[in-house]
Amino acid sequence: MIFLTVGTQFPFDRLVQAVDKAVDHRLLDEEVFGQIGDQGYQPRNFESVGFLRKQVFDERLRTASSIISHAGIGIITSALEYNKPLLVMPRLRRYGEVVHDHQVALARKFELLGHILVADEAEEIPVKIEQLKTFTPCKRSPQPQQVIEQIAQFLNGLSNEESQELT
């Protein structure tokens, strides 16, 4: 089963419609189930619900063969935790889907690291779905020491700026 999820705050019609069209054109070899919010476009070619309880949502993630989603950090990290192939479409400001395009930068970074596939526009979904069928995400190896060092450098920089202002 392919799990489509758009998050819990807003519908994401552009993505839901693109996946519905892909199912209609038989581009997917398996069942699709969607968590799509309770307002907006309702798919005609696959089962969907507005929301899922966390336990049910987590079970869908765990048992899915792959995931299609918006480019939120929560779903990206969850997919990586379960080692699931993930195709994301960032929500875009120009379509009124978000206030600013923060998901674009996030998607690009994780794509560059080999963790996910990214489609910026609905027209890219068919090609990306084909890639998703054989995509294996690179393992994510958290590097807490590197994060600590970057925070320390930032804080030291602030301390140095304050010292210079006092002299």
N, C-alpha and C. Protein backbone atom coordinates (compact mmCIF):
# COMPACT_ATOMS: atom_id res chain seq x y z
N MET A 1 0.83 -1.17 0.00
CA MET A 1 0.00 0.00 0.00
C MET A 1 0.89 1.25 0.00
N ILE A 2 0.53 2.20 -0.84
CA ILE A 2 1.20 3.50 -0.86
C ILE A 2 0.37 4.43 0.01
N PHE A 3 1.02 5.11 0.93
CA PHE A 3 0.34 6.00 1.86
C PHE A 3 0.57 7.44 1.43
N LEU A 4 -0.52 8.13 1.11
CA LEU A 4 -0.49 9.55 0.79
C LEU A 4 -0.91 10.31 2.02
N THR A 5 -0.11 11.28 2.44
CA THR A 5 -0.48 12.10 3.59
C THR A 5 -0.12 13.55 3.31
N VAL A 6 -1.02 14.44 3.70
CA VAL A 6 -0.80 15.86 3.41
C VAL A 6 -0.64 16.69 4.67
N GLY A 7 -0.50 16.02 5.81
CA GLY A 7 -0.39 16.77 7.06
C GLY A 7 -1.76 17.01 7.66
N THR A 8 -1.78 17.71 8.77
CA THR A 8 -3.04 17.87 9.50
C THR A 8 -3.60 19.28 9.48
N GLN A 9 -2.84 20.26 9.02
CA GLN A 9 -3.31 21.63 9.14
C GLN A 9 -4.15 22.10 7.96
N PHE A 10 -3.76 21.78 6.74
CA PHE A 10 -4.46 22.28 5.56
C PHE A 10 -4.58 21.17 4.52
N PRO A 11 -5.64 21.24 3.70
CA PRO A 11 -5.68 20.31 2.57
C PRO A 11 -4.57 20.67 1.58
N PHE A 12 -4.26 19.75 0.69
CA PHE A 12 -3.21 19.99 -0.32
C PHE A 12 -3.74 19.43 -1.64
N ASP A 13 -4.72 20.16 -2.19
CA ASP A 13 -5.42 19.69 -3.38
C ASP A 13 -4.49 19.39 -4.55
N ARG A 14 -3.48 20.20 -4.75
CA ARG A 14 -2.57 20.00 -5.89
C ARG A 14 -1.95 18.60 -5.86
N LEU A 15 -1.51 18.17 -4.70
CA LEU A 15 -0.91 16.84 -4.56
C LEU A 15 -1.97 15.74 -4.65
N VAL A 16 -3.08 15.90 -3.96
CA VAL A 16 -4.12 14.87 -3.96
C VAL A 16 -4.65 14.66 -5.38
N GLN A 17 -4.87 15.73 -6.11
CA GLN A 17 -5.35 15.62 -7.49
C GLN A 17 -4.32 14.91 -8.37
N ALA A 18 -3.04 15.23 -8.20
CA ALA A 18 -1.99 14.60 -9.01
C ALA A 18 -1.93 13.10 -8.75
N VAL A 19 -2.05 12.69 -7.49
CA VAL A 19 -2.03 11.26 -7.17
C VAL A 19 -3.30 10.58 -7.68
N ASP A 20 -4.43 11.25 -7.53
CA ASP A 20 -5.69 10.70 -8.04
C ASP A 20 -5.60 10.47 -9.55
N LYS A 21 -5.03 11.40 -10.26
CA LYS A 21 -4.85 11.28 -11.71
C LYS A 21 -3.90 10.12 -12.04
N ALA A 22 -2.84 9.97 -11.26
CA ALA A 22 -1.88 8.88 -11.48
C ALA A 22 -2.56 7.52 -11.27
N VAL A 23 -3.41 7.42 -10.25
CA VAL A 23 -4.13 6.17 -10.01
C VAL A 23 -5.09 5.91 -11.18
N ASP A 24 -5.78 6.95 -11.61
CA ASP A 24 -6.72 6.82 -12.73
C ASP A 24 -6.01 6.34 -14.00
N HIS A 25 -4.77 6.80 -14.21
CA HIS A 25 -4.00 6.40 -15.39
C HIS A 25 -3.19 5.12 -15.16
N ARG A 26 -3.45 4.46 -14.04
CA ARG A 26 -2.81 3.18 -13.70
C ARG A 26 -1.28 3.25 -13.66
N LEU A 27 -0.78 4.36 -13.11
CA LEU A 27 0.66 4.52 -12.98
C LEU A 27 1.20 3.87 -11.71
N LEU A 28 0.30 3.50 -10.83
CA LEU A 28 0.69 2.86 -9.58
C LEU A 28 0.27 1.39 -9.61
N ASP A 29 1.16 0.53 -9.15
CA ASP A 29 0.94 -0.91 -9.19
C ASP A 29 0.22 -1.45 -7.96
N GLU A 30 -0.05 -0.59 -7.01
CA GLU A 30 -0.66 -1.07 -5.78
C GLU A 30 -1.68 -0.06 -5.25
N GLU A 31 -2.40 -0.48 -4.25
CA GLU A 31 -3.43 0.33 -3.63
C GLU A 31 -2.83 1.61 -3.02
N VAL A 32 -3.59 2.69 -3.08
CA VAL A 32 -3.22 3.95 -2.44
C VAL A 32 -4.26 4.24 -1.37
N PHE A 33 -3.78 4.69 -0.22
CA PHE A 33 -4.66 5.15 0.84
C PHE A 33 -4.20 6.54 1.23
N GLY A 34 -5.15 7.47 1.38
CA GLY A 34 -4.78 8.85 1.68
C GLY A 34 -5.34 9.41 2.95
N GLN A 35 -4.53 10.18 3.64
CA GLN A 35 -4.95 11.04 4.75
C GLN A 35 -4.85 12.45 4.18
N ILE A 36 -6.01 13.08 3.89
CA ILE A 36 -6.00 14.28 3.04
C ILE A 36 -6.65 15.51 3.65
N GLY A 37 -7.00 15.47 4.93
CA GLY A 37 -7.75 16.59 5.50
C GLY A 37 -9.22 16.44 5.13
N ASP A 38 -10.08 17.21 5.78
CA ASP A 38 -11.50 17.00 5.52
C ASP A 38 -12.15 18.09 4.68
N GLN A 39 -11.36 18.96 4.09
CA GLN A 39 -11.90 19.95 3.16
C GLN A 39 -11.05 19.91 1.91
N GLY A 40 -11.61 20.30 0.82
CA GLY A 40 -10.85 20.32 -0.42
C GLY A 40 -11.20 19.17 -1.32
N TYR A 41 -10.33 18.92 -2.27
CA TYR A 41 -10.55 17.91 -3.30
C TYR A 41 -10.69 16.52 -2.69
N GLN A 42 -11.69 15.79 -3.13
CA GLN A 42 -11.92 14.41 -2.69
C GLN A 42 -11.58 13.46 -3.84
N PRO A 43 -10.61 12.58 -3.67
CA PRO A 43 -10.21 11.68 -4.76
C PRO A 43 -11.31 10.70 -5.14
N ARG A 44 -11.32 10.35 -6.42
CA ARG A 44 -12.31 9.41 -6.94
C ARG A 44 -11.72 8.01 -7.15
N ASN A 45 -10.38 7.91 -7.13
CA ASN A 45 -9.75 6.65 -7.53
C ASN A 45 -9.01 5.92 -6.41
N PHE A 46 -9.08 6.42 -5.19
CA PHE A 46 -8.50 5.70 -4.06
C PHE A 46 -9.22 6.10 -2.78
N GLU A 47 -9.12 5.24 -1.80
CA GLU A 47 -9.75 5.48 -0.50
C GLU A 47 -8.97 6.54 0.27
N SER A 48 -9.72 7.40 0.96
CA SER A 48 -9.07 8.43 1.76
C SER A 48 -9.93 8.80 2.95
N VAL A 49 -9.28 9.39 3.94
CA VAL A 49 -9.96 9.93 5.12
C VAL A 49 -9.38 11.31 5.39
N GLY A 50 -10.13 12.08 6.18
CA GLY A 50 -9.63 13.40 6.55
C GLY A 50 -8.45 13.31 7.50
N PHE A 51 -8.64 12.59 8.58
CA PHE A 51 -7.60 12.50 9.60
C PHE A 51 -7.54 11.09 10.17
N LEU A 52 -6.40 10.76 10.73
CA LEU A 52 -6.20 9.47 11.40
C LEU A 52 -5.67 9.73 12.81
N ARG A 53 -6.11 8.91 13.75
CA ARG A 53 -5.50 8.98 15.09
C ARG A 53 -4.02 8.64 14.96
N LYS A 54 -3.20 9.15 15.85
CA LYS A 54 -1.75 8.96 15.76
C LYS A 54 -1.37 7.49 15.66
N GLN A 55 -1.97 6.64 16.45
CA GLN A 55 -1.64 5.22 16.43
C GLN A 55 -1.93 4.61 15.06
N VAL A 56 -3.06 4.96 14.47
CA VAL A 56 -3.44 4.44 13.15
C VAL A 56 -2.52 5.03 12.08
N PHE A 57 -2.24 6.33 12.20
CA PHE A 57 -1.33 6.98 11.26
C PHE A 57 0.03 6.30 11.26
N ASP A 58 0.57 6.08 12.45
CA ASP A 58 1.88 5.42 12.57
C ASP A 58 1.87 4.01 11.99
N GLU A 59 0.76 3.31 12.17
CA GLU A 59 0.64 1.96 11.61
C GLU A 59 0.62 2.02 10.08
N ARG A 60 -0.06 3.00 9.52
CA ARG A 60 -0.07 3.17 8.06
C ARG A 60 1.34 3.44 7.55
N LEU A 61 2.08 4.30 8.25
CA LEU A 61 3.47 4.58 7.86
C LEU A 61 4.31 3.31 7.92
N ARG A 62 4.16 2.58 9.00
CA ARG A 62 4.98 1.38 9.21
C ARG A 62 4.72 0.31 8.16
N THR A 63 3.47 0.16 7.74
CA THR A 63 3.12 -0.92 6.82
C THR A 63 3.14 -0.50 5.35
N ALA A 64 3.26 0.77 5.07
CA ALA A 64 3.26 1.24 3.68
C ALA A 64 4.52 0.77 2.96
N SER A 65 4.38 0.50 1.68
CA SER A 65 5.56 0.17 0.86
C SER A 65 6.32 1.45 0.53
N SER A 66 5.59 2.55 0.37
CA SER A 66 6.19 3.86 0.12
C SER A 66 5.20 4.94 0.52
N ILE A 67 5.69 6.17 0.57
CA ILE A 67 4.89 7.30 1.05
C ILE A 67 4.98 8.44 0.04
N ILE A 68 3.87 9.12 -0.16
CA ILE A 68 3.82 10.34 -0.94
C ILE A 68 3.25 11.41 -0.02
N SER A 69 3.89 12.59 0.01
CA SER A 69 3.49 13.56 1.02
C SER A 69 3.89 14.98 0.65
N HIS A 70 3.43 15.93 1.48
CA HIS A 70 3.97 17.28 1.46
C HIS A 70 5.39 17.19 2.03
N ALA A 71 6.13 18.27 2.00
CA ALA A 71 7.54 18.23 2.44
C ALA A 71 7.71 18.75 3.86
N GLY A 72 6.91 18.25 4.77
CA GLY A 72 7.04 18.64 6.18
C GLY A 72 8.13 17.83 6.87
N ILE A 73 8.78 18.45 7.83
CA ILE A 73 9.89 17.78 8.53
C ILE A 73 9.41 16.55 9.29
N GLY A 74 8.20 16.58 9.82
CA GLY A 74 7.69 15.44 10.58
C GLY A 74 7.57 14.19 9.73
N ILE A 75 6.97 14.31 8.56
CA ILE A 75 6.79 13.14 7.71
C ILE A 75 8.13 12.70 7.12
N ILE A 76 9.01 13.63 6.82
CA ILE A 76 10.33 13.26 6.29
C ILE A 76 11.09 12.43 7.32
N THR A 77 11.15 12.91 8.55
CA THR A 77 11.90 12.17 9.57
C THR A 77 11.23 10.84 9.90
N SER A 78 9.90 10.80 9.88
CA SER A 78 9.20 9.54 10.13
C SER A 78 9.49 8.51 9.03
N ALA A 79 9.45 8.96 7.79
CA ALA A 79 9.74 8.04 6.68
C ALA A 79 11.17 7.51 6.79
N LEU A 80 12.09 8.38 7.16
CA LEU A 80 13.48 7.94 7.32
C LEU A 80 13.61 6.96 8.48
N GLU A 81 12.89 7.21 9.55
CA GLU A 81 12.92 6.32 10.71
C GLU A 81 12.44 4.92 10.33
N TYR A 82 11.40 4.85 9.50
CA TYR A 82 10.85 3.56 9.06
C TYR A 82 11.54 3.05 7.79
N ASN A 83 12.53 3.79 7.29
CA ASN A 83 13.26 3.43 6.07
C ASN A 83 12.31 3.23 4.87
N LYS A 84 11.39 4.17 4.70
CA LYS A 84 10.40 4.09 3.64
C LYS A 84 10.77 5.03 2.49
N PRO A 85 10.64 4.58 1.26
CA PRO A 85 10.82 5.48 0.13
C PRO A 85 9.76 6.59 0.21
N LEU A 86 10.20 7.82 0.02
CA LEU A 86 9.31 8.97 0.18
C LEU A 86 9.43 9.91 -1.01
N LEU A 87 8.28 10.25 -1.58
CA LEU A 87 8.18 11.26 -2.62
C LEU A 87 7.44 12.44 -2.02
N VAL A 88 8.05 13.61 -2.05
CA VAL A 88 7.39 14.80 -1.51
C VAL A 88 7.14 15.82 -2.59
N MET A 89 6.10 16.61 -2.36
CA MET A 89 5.84 17.80 -3.16
C MET A 89 5.74 18.96 -2.16
N PRO A 90 6.68 19.89 -2.22
CA PRO A 90 6.60 21.02 -1.29
C PRO A 90 5.36 21.87 -1.54
N ARG A 91 4.74 22.30 -0.48
CA ARG A 91 3.67 23.29 -0.59
C ARG A 91 4.33 24.60 -1.03
N LEU A 92 3.66 25.34 -1.90
CA LEU A 92 4.25 26.56 -2.45
C LEU A 92 3.40 27.79 -2.16
N ARG A 93 4.08 28.86 -1.85
CA ARG A 93 3.42 30.14 -1.55
C ARG A 93 2.60 30.64 -2.74
N ARG A 94 3.14 30.51 -3.95
CA ARG A 94 2.45 31.07 -5.11
C ARG A 94 1.08 30.45 -5.35
N TYR A 95 0.84 29.27 -4.77
CA TYR A 95 -0.48 28.64 -4.87
C TYR A 95 -1.32 28.86 -3.61
N GLY A 96 -0.81 29.65 -2.68
CA GLY A 96 -1.53 29.90 -1.44
C GLY A 96 -1.53 28.72 -0.48
N GLU A 97 -0.56 27.82 -0.63
CA GLU A 97 -0.51 26.60 0.20
C GLU A 97 0.25 26.81 1.51
N VAL A 98 1.10 27.84 1.55
CA VAL A 98 1.88 28.19 2.73
C VAL A 98 2.15 29.69 2.71
N VAL A 99 2.65 30.20 3.82
CA VAL A 99 2.98 31.62 3.91
C VAL A 99 4.31 31.91 3.22
N HIS A 100 5.27 31.00 3.36
CA HIS A 100 6.57 31.13 2.68
C HIS A 100 7.04 29.74 2.26
N ASP A 101 8.01 29.70 1.37
CA ASP A 101 8.43 28.44 0.74
C ASP A 101 9.49 27.67 1.53
N HIS A 102 9.31 27.54 2.82
CA HIS A 102 10.28 26.82 3.65
C HIS A 102 10.40 25.34 3.27
N GLN A 103 9.32 24.74 2.77
CA GLN A 103 9.37 23.32 2.42
C GLN A 103 10.27 23.06 1.23
N VAL A 104 10.46 24.06 0.38
CA VAL A 104 11.32 23.88 -0.80
C VAL A 104 12.76 23.63 -0.36
N ALA A 105 13.27 24.47 0.51
CA ALA A 105 14.66 24.31 0.98
C ALA A 105 14.83 22.99 1.73
N LEU A 106 13.86 22.65 2.54
CA LEU A 106 13.92 21.40 3.29
C LEU A 106 13.95 20.20 2.35
N ALA A 107 13.07 20.21 1.36
CA ALA A 107 13.02 19.11 0.39
C ALA A 107 14.33 19.00 -0.39
N ARG A 108 14.86 20.13 -0.81
CA ARG A 108 16.11 20.13 -1.59
C ARG A 108 17.26 19.51 -0.79
N LYS A 109 17.36 19.88 0.48
CA LYS A 109 18.44 19.37 1.33
C LYS A 109 18.35 17.85 1.49
N PHE A 110 17.15 17.35 1.80
CA PHE A 110 16.99 15.91 1.97
C PHE A 110 17.13 15.15 0.65
N GLU A 111 16.73 15.79 -0.44
CA GLU A 111 16.93 15.17 -1.76
C GLU A 111 18.42 15.08 -2.09
N LEU A 112 19.14 16.15 -1.82
CA LEU A 112 20.59 16.19 -2.07
C LEU A 112 21.32 15.09 -1.28
N LEU A 113 20.83 14.79 -0.11
CA LEU A 113 21.43 13.74 0.73
C LEU A 113 20.98 12.33 0.33
N GLY A 114 20.07 12.24 -0.66
CA GLY A 114 19.62 10.94 -1.14
C GLY A 114 18.55 10.29 -0.28
N HIS A 115 17.88 11.09 0.55
CA HIS A 115 16.88 10.54 1.46
C HIS A 115 15.48 10.48 0.85
N ILE A 116 15.16 11.38 -0.08
CA ILE A 116 13.81 11.48 -0.62
C ILE A 116 13.84 11.83 -2.10
N LEU A 117 12.69 11.72 -2.74
CA LEU A 117 12.48 12.22 -4.10
C LEU A 117 11.59 13.45 -4.00
N VAL A 118 11.76 14.40 -4.92
CA VAL A 118 11.00 15.65 -4.87
C VAL A 118 10.36 15.93 -6.23
N ALA A 119 9.09 16.30 -6.18
CA ALA A 119 8.38 16.82 -7.36
C ALA A 119 7.89 18.21 -6.98
N ASP A 120 8.32 19.21 -7.71
CA ASP A 120 7.88 20.58 -7.40
C ASP A 120 6.49 20.87 -7.96
N GLU A 121 6.18 20.27 -9.08
CA GLU A 121 4.91 20.52 -9.76
C GLU A 121 4.16 19.21 -10.00
N ALA A 122 2.85 19.31 -10.13
CA ALA A 122 2.01 18.13 -10.34
C ALA A 122 2.40 17.36 -11.59
N GLU A 123 2.87 18.07 -12.61
CA GLU A 123 3.24 17.42 -13.86
C GLU A 123 4.43 16.48 -13.70
N GLU A 124 5.20 16.64 -12.64
CA GLU A 124 6.36 15.79 -12.38
C GLU A 124 5.98 14.49 -11.67
N ILE A 125 4.79 14.42 -11.12
CA ILE A 125 4.39 13.26 -10.32
C ILE A 125 4.50 11.94 -11.08
N PRO A 126 4.03 11.82 -12.33
CA PRO A 126 4.14 10.52 -13.01
C PRO A 126 5.58 10.00 -13.11
N VAL A 127 6.52 10.85 -13.45
CA VAL A 127 7.93 10.44 -13.56
C VAL A 127 8.48 10.08 -12.19
N LYS A 128 8.15 10.87 -11.18
CA LYS A 128 8.65 10.62 -9.83
C LYS A 128 8.03 9.35 -9.24
N ILE A 129 6.78 9.06 -9.59
CA ILE A 129 6.16 7.80 -9.13
C ILE A 129 6.90 6.61 -9.71
N GLU A 130 7.28 6.72 -10.95
CA GLU A 130 8.05 5.64 -11.57
C GLU A 130 9.38 5.45 -10.84
N GLN A 131 10.04 6.55 -10.48
CA GLN A 131 11.31 6.47 -9.73
C GLN A 131 11.09 5.91 -8.33
N LEU A 132 9.95 6.26 -7.73
CA LEU A 132 9.65 5.80 -6.37
C LEU A 132 9.58 4.28 -6.29
N LYS A 133 9.18 3.63 -7.37
CA LYS A 133 9.03 2.17 -7.38
C LYS A 133 10.34 1.45 -7.10
N THR A 134 11.47 2.07 -7.43
CA THR A 134 12.77 1.42 -7.22
C THR A 134 13.69 2.22 -6.30
N PHE A 135 13.18 3.31 -5.74
CA PHE A 135 14.00 4.19 -4.91
C PHE A 135 14.27 3.57 -3.55
N THR A 136 15.52 3.60 -3.15
CA THR A 136 15.92 3.19 -1.80
C THR A 136 16.56 4.39 -1.13
N PRO A 137 15.96 4.89 -0.06
CA PRO A 137 16.51 6.08 0.60
C PRO A 137 17.86 5.77 1.26
N CYS A 138 18.77 6.71 1.15
CA CYS A 138 20.04 6.60 1.87
C CYS A 138 19.75 6.66 3.37
N LYS A 139 20.47 5.86 4.12
CA LYS A 139 20.31 5.87 5.57
C LYS A 139 20.72 7.23 6.11
N ARG A 140 19.96 7.71 7.06
CA ARG A 140 20.28 8.98 7.71
C ARG A 140 21.09 8.67 8.96
N SER A 141 22.21 9.34 9.09
CA SER A 141 23.02 9.15 10.28
C SER A 141 23.12 10.48 11.01
N PRO A 142 22.28 10.64 12.05
CA PRO A 142 22.32 11.88 12.82
C PRO A 142 23.73 12.14 13.35
N GLN A 143 24.11 13.39 13.36
CA GLN A 143 25.44 13.78 13.81
C GLN A 143 25.33 14.83 14.90
N PRO A 144 24.96 14.40 16.11
CA PRO A 144 24.73 15.37 17.19
C PRO A 144 25.97 16.19 17.53
N GLN A 145 27.15 15.59 17.43
CA GLN A 145 28.37 16.34 17.77
C GLN A 145 28.56 17.51 16.80
N GLN A 146 28.28 17.29 15.53
CA GLN A 146 28.40 18.35 14.54
C GLN A 146 27.40 19.48 14.84
N VAL A 147 26.20 19.13 15.24
CA VAL A 147 25.19 20.13 15.59
C VAL A 147 25.65 20.92 16.81
N ILE A 148 26.18 20.24 17.80
CA ILE A 148 26.68 20.90 19.01
C ILE A 148 27.79 21.89 18.65
N GLU A 149 28.69 21.47 17.78
CA GLU A 149 29.79 22.34 17.37
C GLU A 149 29.28 23.58 16.62
N GLN A 150 28.29 23.40 15.76
CA GLN A 150 27.74 24.54 15.02
C GLN A 150 27.05 25.52 15.97
N ILE A 151 26.31 25.00 16.94
CA ILE A 151 25.66 25.88 17.92
C ILE A 151 26.71 26.61 18.75
N ALA A 152 27.75 25.90 19.15
CA ALA A 152 28.82 26.53 19.93
C ALA A 152 29.50 27.64 19.14
N GLN A 153 29.76 27.41 17.84
CA GLN A 153 30.37 28.44 17.00
C GLN A 153 29.46 29.67 16.92
N PHE A 154 28.18 29.43 16.75
CA PHE A 154 27.22 30.53 16.68
C PHE A 154 27.22 31.33 17.98
N LEU A 155 27.15 30.62 19.11
CA LEU A 155 27.13 31.30 20.41
C LEU A 155 28.44 32.03 20.68
N ASN A 156 29.56 31.43 20.30
CA ASN A 156 30.85 32.11 20.46
C ASN A 156 30.90 33.38 19.62
N GLY A 157 30.33 33.30 18.42
CA GLY A 157 30.28 34.48 17.56
C GLY A 157 29.48 35.60 18.21
N LEU A 158 28.38 35.25 18.87
CA LEU A 158 27.59 36.25 19.58
C LEU A 158 28.38 36.85 20.73
N SER A 159 29.09 36.00 21.46
CA SER A 159 29.91 36.48 22.58
C SER A 159 30.99 37.43 22.10
N ASN A 160 31.63 37.09 20.97
CA ASN A 160 32.68 37.96 20.41
C ASN A 160 32.11 39.29 19.96
N GLU A 161 30.91 39.29 19.40
CA GLU A 161 30.27 40.53 18.96
C GLU A 161 29.97 41.41 20.16
N GLU A 162 29.48 40.81 21.24
CA GLU A 162 29.18 41.59 22.46
C GLU A 162 30.46 42.18 23.05
N SER A 163 31.55 41.39 23.03
CA SER A 163 32.82 41.87 23.57
C SER A 163 33.33 43.06 22.77
N GLN A 164 33.18 42.99 21.45
CA GLN A 164 33.64 44.09 20.58
C GLN A 164 32.79 45.34 20.80
N GLU A 165 31.52 45.17 21.07
CA GLU A 165 30.66 46.33 21.31
C GLU A 165 31.00 47.01 22.61
N LEU A 166 31.49 46.27 23.60
CA LEU A 166 31.83 46.83 24.90
C LEU A 166 33.16 47.58 24.88
N THR A 167 34.00 47.32 23.90
CA THR A 167 35.30 47.98 23.87
C THR A 167 35.29 49.20 23.00
